[in-house]
PDB file of all heavy atoms in Angstrom:
ATOM      1  N   GLU A   1      -8.506  -7.508  -9.675  1.00  0.00           N
ATOM      2  CA  GLU A   1      -7.167  -7.364 -10.246  1.00  0.00           C
ATOM      3  C   GLU A   1      -6.273  -6.426  -9.431  1.00  0.00           C
ATOM      4  O   GLU A   1      -5.046  -6.531  -9.494  1.00  0.00           O
ATOM      5  CB  GLU A   1      -7.250  -6.849 -11.686  1.00  0.00           C
ATOM      6  CG  GLU A   1      -7.985  -7.782 -12.643  1.00  0.00           C
ATOM      7  CD  GLU A   1      -9.498  -7.641 -12.595  1.00  0.00           C
ATOM      8  OE1 GLU A   1      -9.994  -6.779 -11.843  1.00  0.00           O
ATOM      9  OE2 GLU A   1     -10.176  -8.396 -13.305  1.00  0.00           O
ATOM     10  N   SER A   2      -6.863  -5.481  -8.683  1.00  0.00           N
ATOM     11  CA  SER A   2      -6.053  -4.500  -7.957  1.00  0.00           C
ATOM     12  C   SER A   2      -6.126  -4.646  -6.439  1.00  0.00           C
ATOM     13  O   SER A   2      -5.458  -3.905  -5.712  1.00  0.00           O
ATOM     14  CB  SER A   2      -6.480  -3.078  -8.349  1.00  0.00           C
ATOM     15  OG  SER A   2      -7.834  -2.858  -8.023  1.00  0.00           O
ATOM     16  N   VAL A   3      -6.918  -5.592  -5.940  1.00  0.00           N
ATOM     17  CA  VAL A   3      -7.095  -5.749  -4.493  1.00  0.00           C
ATOM     18  C   VAL A   3      -5.768  -6.068  -3.808  1.00  0.00           C
ATOM     19  O   VAL A   3      -5.453  -5.522  -2.744  1.00  0.00           O
ATOM     20  CB  VAL A   3      -8.145  -6.831  -4.177  1.00  0.00           C
ATOM     21  CG1 VAL A   3      -8.107  -7.205  -2.700  1.00  0.00           C
ATOM     22  CG2 VAL A   3      -9.538  -6.336  -4.535  1.00  0.00           C
ATOM     23  N   ASP A   4      -4.970  -6.962  -4.388  1.00  0.00           N
ATOM     24  CA  ASP A   4      -3.707  -7.356  -3.759  1.00  0.00           C
ATOM     25  C   ASP A   4      -2.791  -6.158  -3.546  1.00  0.00           C
ATOM     26  O   ASP A   4      -2.153  -6.035  -2.496  1.00  0.00           O
ATOM     27  CB  ASP A   4      -2.996  -8.413  -4.604  1.00  0.00           C
ATOM     28  CG  ASP A   4      -3.682  -9.769  -4.526  1.00  0.00           C
ATOM     29  OD1 ASP A   4      -4.518  -9.951  -3.628  1.00  0.00           O
ATOM     30  OD2 ASP A   4      -3.378 -10.642  -5.369  1.00  0.00           O
ATOM     31  N   ALA A   5      -2.718  -5.274  -4.529  1.00  0.00           N
ATOM     32  CA  ALA A   5      -1.858  -4.093  -4.403  1.00  0.00           C
ATOM     33  C   ALA A   5      -2.360  -3.177  -3.292  1.00  0.00           C
ATOM     34  O   ALA A   5      -1.571  -2.637  -2.505  1.00  0.00           O
ATOM     35  CB  ALA A   5      -1.806  -3.347  -5.729  1.00  0.00           C
ATOM     36  N   VAL A   6      -3.689  -2.998  -3.221  1.00  0.00           N
ATOM     37  CA  VAL A   6      -4.276  -2.142  -2.183  1.00  0.00           C
ATOM     38  C   VAL A   6      -3.979  -2.706  -0.796  1.00  0.00           C
ATOM     39  O   VAL A   6      -3.547  -1.979   0.118  1.00  0.00           O
ATOM     40  CB  VAL A   6      -5.800  -2.012  -2.390  1.00  0.00           C
ATOM     41  CG1 VAL A   6      -6.446  -1.297  -1.204  1.00  0.00           C
ATOM     42  CG2 VAL A   6      -6.104  -1.269  -3.684  1.00  0.00           C
ATOM     43  N   MET A   7      -4.185  -4.012  -0.631  1.00  0.00           N
ATOM     44  CA  MET A   7      -3.967  -4.620   0.679  1.00  0.00           C
ATOM     45  C   MET A   7      -2.484  -4.630   1.051  1.00  0.00           C
ATOM     46  O   MET A   7      -2.129  -4.534   2.227  1.00  0.00           O
ATOM     47  CB  MET A   7      -4.533  -6.040   0.686  1.00  0.00           C
ATOM     48  CG  MET A   7      -6.038  -6.109   0.460  1.00  0.00           C
ATOM     49  SD  MET A   7      -6.991  -4.927   1.467  1.00  0.00           S
ATOM     50  CE  MET A   7      -6.601  -5.524   3.134  1.00  0.00           C
ATOM     51  N   ARG A   8      -1.614  -4.718   0.049  1.00  0.00           N
ATOM     52  CA  ARG A   8      -0.175  -4.669   0.316  1.00  0.00           C
ATOM     53  C   ARG A   8       0.209  -3.315   0.901  1.00  0.00           C
ATOM     54  O   ARG A   8       1.005  -3.222   1.842  1.00  0.00           O
ATOM     55  CB  ARG A   8       0.595  -4.927  -0.981  1.00  0.00           C
ATOM     56  CG  ARG A   8       2.100  -4.949  -0.808  1.00  0.00           C
ATOM     57  CD  ARG A   8       2.785  -5.145  -2.157  1.00  0.00           C
ATOM     58  NE  ARG A   8       4.224  -4.998  -2.061  1.00  0.00           N
ATOM     59  CZ  ARG A   8       5.035  -4.878  -3.090  1.00  0.00           C
ATOM     60  NH1 ARG A   8       4.535  -4.870  -4.330  1.00  0.00           N
ATOM     61  NH2 ARG A   8       6.336  -4.745  -2.914  1.00  0.00           N
ATOM     62  N   ILE A   9      -0.372  -2.246   0.346  1.00  0.00           N
ATOM     63  CA  ILE A   9      -0.105  -0.901   0.864  1.00  0.00           C
ATOM     64  C   ILE A   9      -0.597  -0.773   2.302  1.00  0.00           C
ATOM     65  O   ILE A   9       0.128  -0.307   3.194  1.00  0.00           O
ATOM     66  CB  ILE A   9      -0.782   0.164  -0.025  1.00  0.00           C
ATOM     67  CG1 ILE A   9      -0.116   0.216  -1.398  1.00  0.00           C
ATOM     68  CG2 ILE A   9      -0.731   1.541   0.646  1.00  0.00           C
ATOM     69  CD1 ILE A   9      -0.871   1.056  -2.407  1.00  0.00           C
ATOM     70  N   ILE A  10      -1.835  -1.200   2.538  1.00  0.00           N
ATOM     71  CA  ILE A  10      -2.433  -1.053   3.869  1.00  0.00           C
ATOM     72  C   ILE A  10      -1.653  -1.849   4.909  1.00  0.00           C
ATOM     73  O   ILE A  10      -1.401  -1.366   6.028  1.00  0.00           O
ATOM     74  CB  ILE A  10      -3.911  -1.474   3.840  1.00  0.00           C
ATOM     75  CG1 ILE A  10      -4.718  -0.458   3.020  1.00  0.00           C
ATOM     76  CG2 ILE A  10      -4.477  -1.587   5.255  1.00  0.00           C
ATOM     77  CD1 ILE A  10      -6.170  -0.841   2.821  1.00  0.00           C
ATOM     78  N   GLU A  11      -1.243  -3.061   4.572  1.00  0.00           N
ATOM     79  CA  GLU A  11      -0.497  -3.880   5.529  1.00  0.00           C
ATOM     80  C   GLU A  11       0.874  -3.278   5.811  1.00  0.00           C
ATOM     81  O   GLU A  11       1.380  -3.368   6.939  1.00  0.00           O
ATOM     82  CB  GLU A  11      -0.369  -5.314   5.013  1.00  0.00           C
ATOM     83  CG  GLU A  11      -1.663  -6.106   5.088  1.00  0.00           C
ATOM     84  CD  GLU A  11      -2.328  -6.030   6.456  1.00  0.00           C
ATOM     85  OE1 GLU A  11      -1.639  -6.327   7.461  1.00  0.00           O
ATOM     86  OE2 GLU A  11      -3.514  -5.646   6.541  1.00  0.00           O
ATOM     87  N   ALA A  12       1.503  -2.670   4.795  1.00  0.00           N
ATOM     88  CA  ALA A  12       2.789  -2.004   5.012  1.00  0.00           C
ATOM     89  C   ALA A  12       2.613  -0.805   5.945  1.00  0.00           C
ATOM     90  O   ALA A  12       3.473  -0.516   6.792  1.00  0.00           O
ATOM     91  CB  ALA A  12       3.386  -1.567   3.684  1.00  0.00           C
ATOM     92  N   PHE A  13       1.489  -0.095   5.813  1.00  0.00           N
ATOM     93  CA  PHE A  13       1.178   1.016   6.713  1.00  0.00           C
ATOM     94  C   PHE A  13       0.919   0.487   8.125  1.00  0.00           C
ATOM     95  O   PHE A  13       1.395   1.045   9.118  1.00  0.00           O
ATOM     96  CB  PHE A  13      -0.056   1.773   6.228  1.00  0.00           C
ATOM     97  CG  PHE A  13       0.172   2.632   4.995  1.00  0.00           C
ATOM     98  CD1 PHE A  13      -0.885   3.312   4.413  1.00  0.00           C
ATOM     99  CD2 PHE A  13       1.425   2.752   4.415  1.00  0.00           C
ATOM    100  CE1 PHE A  13      -0.701   4.116   3.295  1.00  0.00           C
ATOM    101  CE2 PHE A  13       1.629   3.541   3.293  1.00  0.00           C
ATOM    102  CZ  PHE A  13       0.556   4.229   2.739  1.00  0.00           C
ATOM    103  N   ARG A  14       0.142  -0.592   8.202  1.00  0.00           N
ATOM    104  CA  ARG A  14      -0.266  -1.130   9.503  1.00  0.00           C
ATOM    105  C   ARG A  14       0.954  -1.589  10.324  1.00  0.00           C
ATOM    106  O   ARG A  14       1.009  -1.395  11.537  1.00  0.00           O
ATOM    107  CB  ARG A  14      -1.233  -2.303   9.297  1.00  0.00           C
ATOM    108  CG  ARG A  14      -1.884  -2.806  10.583  1.00  0.00           C
ATOM    109  CD  ARG A  14      -2.721  -4.041  10.307  1.00  0.00           C
ATOM    110  NE  ARG A  14      -3.745  -3.776   9.322  1.00  0.00           N
ATOM    111  CZ  ARG A  14      -4.909  -3.187   9.574  1.00  0.00           C
ATOM    112  NH1 ARG A  14      -5.186  -2.794  10.809  1.00  0.00           N
ATOM    113  NH2 ARG A  14      -5.805  -2.992   8.617  1.00  0.00           N
ATOM    114  N   THR A  15       1.915  -2.208   9.649  1.00  0.00           N
ATOM    115  CA  THR A  15       3.092  -2.728  10.347  1.00  0.00           C
ATOM    116  C   THR A  15       4.163  -1.673  10.568  1.00  0.00           C
ATOM    117  O   THR A  15       5.159  -1.934  11.248  1.00  0.00           O
ATOM    118  CB  THR A  15       3.711  -3.897   9.552  1.00  0.00           C
ATOM    119  OG1 THR A  15       4.073  -3.444   8.235  1.00  0.00           O
ATOM    120  CG2 THR A  15       2.718  -5.047   9.429  1.00  0.00           C
ATOM    121  N   GLY A  16       3.974  -0.488   9.984  1.00  0.00           N
ATOM    122  CA  GLY A  16       4.928   0.584  10.168  1.00  0.00           C
ATOM    123  C   GLY A  16       6.098   0.551   9.202  1.00  0.00           C
ATOM    124  O   GLY A  16       7.024   1.362   9.304  1.00  0.00           O
ATOM    125  N   ARG A  17       6.085  -0.353   8.225  1.00  0.00           N
ATOM    126  CA  ARG A  17       7.182  -0.445   7.263  1.00  0.00           C
ATOM    127  C   ARG A  17       7.197   0.737   6.296  1.00  0.00           C
ATOM    128  O   ARG A  17       8.243   1.131   5.807  1.00  0.00           O
ATOM    129  CB  ARG A  17       7.106  -1.770   6.489  1.00  0.00           C
ATOM    130  CG  ARG A  17       7.432  -2.993   7.329  1.00  0.00           C
ATOM    131  CD  ARG A  17       7.566  -4.244   6.485  1.00  0.00           C
ATOM    132  NE  ARG A  17       6.286  -4.620   5.878  1.00  0.00           N
ATOM    133  CZ  ARG A  17       6.021  -4.531   4.583  1.00  0.00           C
ATOM    134  NH1 ARG A  17       6.920  -4.033   3.750  1.00  0.00           N
ATOM    135  NH2 ARG A  17       4.848  -4.917   4.120  1.00  0.00           N
ATOM    136  N   LYS A  18       6.010   1.272   6.001  1.00  0.00           N
ATOM    137  CA  LYS A  18       5.902   2.389   5.069  1.00  0.00           C
ATOM    138  C   LYS A  18       4.903   3.417   5.605  1.00  0.00           C
ATOM    139  O   LYS A  18       4.014   3.086   6.406  1.00  0.00           O
ATOM    140  CB  LYS A  18       5.439   1.912   3.690  1.00  0.00           C
ATOM    141  CG  LYS A  18       6.398   0.954   2.985  1.00  0.00           C
ATOM    142  CD  LYS A  18       7.645   1.672   2.495  1.00  0.00           C
ATOM    143  CE  LYS A  18       8.542   0.715   1.724  1.00  0.00           C
ATOM    144  NZ  LYS A  18       9.761   1.388   1.222  1.00  0.00           N
ATOM    145  N   ASP A  19       5.045   4.659   5.130  1.00  0.00           N
ATOM    146  CA  ASP A  19       4.121   5.725   5.533  1.00  0.00           C
ATOM    147  C   ASP A  19       3.395   6.353   4.347  1.00  0.00           C
ATOM    148  O   ASP A  19       2.377   7.006   4.530  1.00  0.00           O
ATOM    149  CB  ASP A  19       4.866   6.826   6.290  1.00  0.00           C
ATOM    150  CG  ASP A  19       5.292   6.365   7.670  1.00  0.00           C
ATOM    151  OD1 ASP A  19       4.453   5.819   8.406  1.00  0.00           O
ATOM    152  OD2 ASP A  19       6.478   6.542   7.996  1.00  0.00           O
ATOM    153  N   THR A  20       3.940   6.180   3.141  1.00  0.00           N
ATOM    154  CA  THR A  20       3.310   6.759   1.954  1.00  0.00           C
ATOM    155  C   THR A  20       3.453   5.823   0.764  1.00  0.00           C
ATOM    156  O   THR A  20       4.342   4.966   0.730  1.00  0.00           O
ATOM    157  CB  THR A  20       3.950   8.121   1.570  1.00  0.00           C
ATOM    158  OG1 THR A  20       5.335   7.915   1.286  1.00  0.00           O
ATOM    159  CG2 THR A  20       3.785   9.142   2.678  1.00  0.00           C
ATOM    160  N   ALA A  21       2.561   6.000  -0.192  1.00  0.00           N
ATOM    161  CA  ALA A  21       2.652   5.316  -1.487  1.00  0.00           C
ATOM    162  C   ALA A  21       2.165   6.299  -2.534  1.00  0.00           C
ATOM    163  O   ALA A  21       1.168   7.007  -2.316  1.00  0.00           O
ATOM    164  CB  ALA A  21       1.812   4.039  -1.499  1.00  0.00           C
ATOM    165  N   VAL A  22       2.858   6.363  -3.674  1.00  0.00           N
ATOM    166  CA  VAL A  22       2.559   7.383  -4.681  1.00  0.00           C
ATOM    167  C   VAL A  22       2.395   6.741  -6.052  1.00  0.00           C
ATOM    168  O   VAL A  22       3.178   5.863  -6.433  1.00  0.00           O
ATOM    169  CB  VAL A  22       3.679   8.452  -4.750  1.00  0.00           C
ATOM    170  CG1 VAL A  22       3.311   9.544  -5.754  1.00  0.00           C
ATOM    171  CG2 VAL A  22       3.928   9.052  -3.382  1.00  0.00           C
ATOM    172  N   PHE A  23       1.367   7.181  -6.794  1.00  0.00           N
ATOM    173  CA  PHE A  23       1.119   6.721  -8.160  1.00  0.00           C
ATOM    174  C   PHE A  23       0.750   7.927  -9.017  1.00  0.00           C
ATOM    175  O   PHE A  23       0.254   8.937  -8.513  1.00  0.00           O
ATOM    176  CB  PHE A  23      -0.041   5.710  -8.208  1.00  0.00           C
ATOM    177  CG  PHE A  23       0.160   4.512  -7.323  1.00  0.00           C
ATOM    178  CD1 PHE A  23      -0.244   4.529  -5.993  1.00  0.00           C
ATOM    179  CD2 PHE A  23       0.751   3.359  -7.821  1.00  0.00           C
ATOM    180  CE1 PHE A  23      -0.065   3.421  -5.177  1.00  0.00           C
ATOM    181  CE2 PHE A  23       0.931   2.254  -7.019  1.00  0.00           C
ATOM    182  CZ  PHE A  23       0.527   2.275  -5.696  1.00  0.00           C
ATOM    183  N   TRP A  24       0.970   7.829 -10.309  1.00  0.00           N
ATOM    184  CA  TRP A  24       0.447   8.839 -11.235  1.00  0.00           C
ATOM    185  C   TRP A  24       0.023   8.123 -12.510  1.00  0.00           C
ATOM    186  O   TRP A  24       0.649   7.171 -12.967  1.00  0.00           O
ATOM    187  CB  TRP A  24       1.458   9.951 -11.503  1.00  0.00           C
ATOM    188  CG  TRP A  24       2.827   9.522 -11.910  1.00  0.00           C
ATOM    189  CD1 TRP A  24       3.320   9.365 -13.168  1.00  0.00           C
ATOM    190  CD2 TRP A  24       3.914   9.208 -11.028  1.00  0.00           C
ATOM    191  NE1 TRP A  24       4.626   8.974 -13.141  1.00  0.00           N
ATOM    192  CE2 TRP A  24       5.028   8.872 -11.830  1.00  0.00           C
ATOM    193  CE3 TRP A  24       4.061   9.185  -9.621  1.00  0.00           C
ATOM    194  CZ2 TRP A  24       6.254   8.508 -11.300  1.00  0.00           C
ATOM    195  CZ3 TRP A  24       5.290   8.825  -9.102  1.00  0.00           C
ATOM    196  CH2 TRP A  24       6.368   8.494  -9.931  1.00  0.00           C
ATOM    197  N   LEU A  25      -1.085   8.575 -13.066  1.00  0.00           N
ATOM    198  CA  LEU A  25      -1.679   7.901 -14.214  1.00  0.00           C
ATOM    199  C   LEU A  25      -2.555   8.858 -15.002  1.00  0.00           C
ATOM    200  O   LEU A  25      -2.852   9.971 -14.546  1.00  0.00           O
ATOM    201  CB  LEU A  25      -2.499   6.691 -13.762  1.00  0.00           C
ATOM    202  CG  LEU A  25      -3.664   6.947 -12.783  1.00  0.00           C
ATOM    203  CD1 LEU A  25      -4.733   5.886 -12.941  1.00  0.00           C
ATOM    204  CD2 LEU A  25      -3.172   6.935 -11.343  1.00  0.00           C
TER     205      LEU A  25
END
């Protein structure tokens, strides 16, 4: 259920589009 979100973050990091992602729960 959460794999897609994790891979979306990593791919955004890999391509240089993003450098951080933040969550609180």
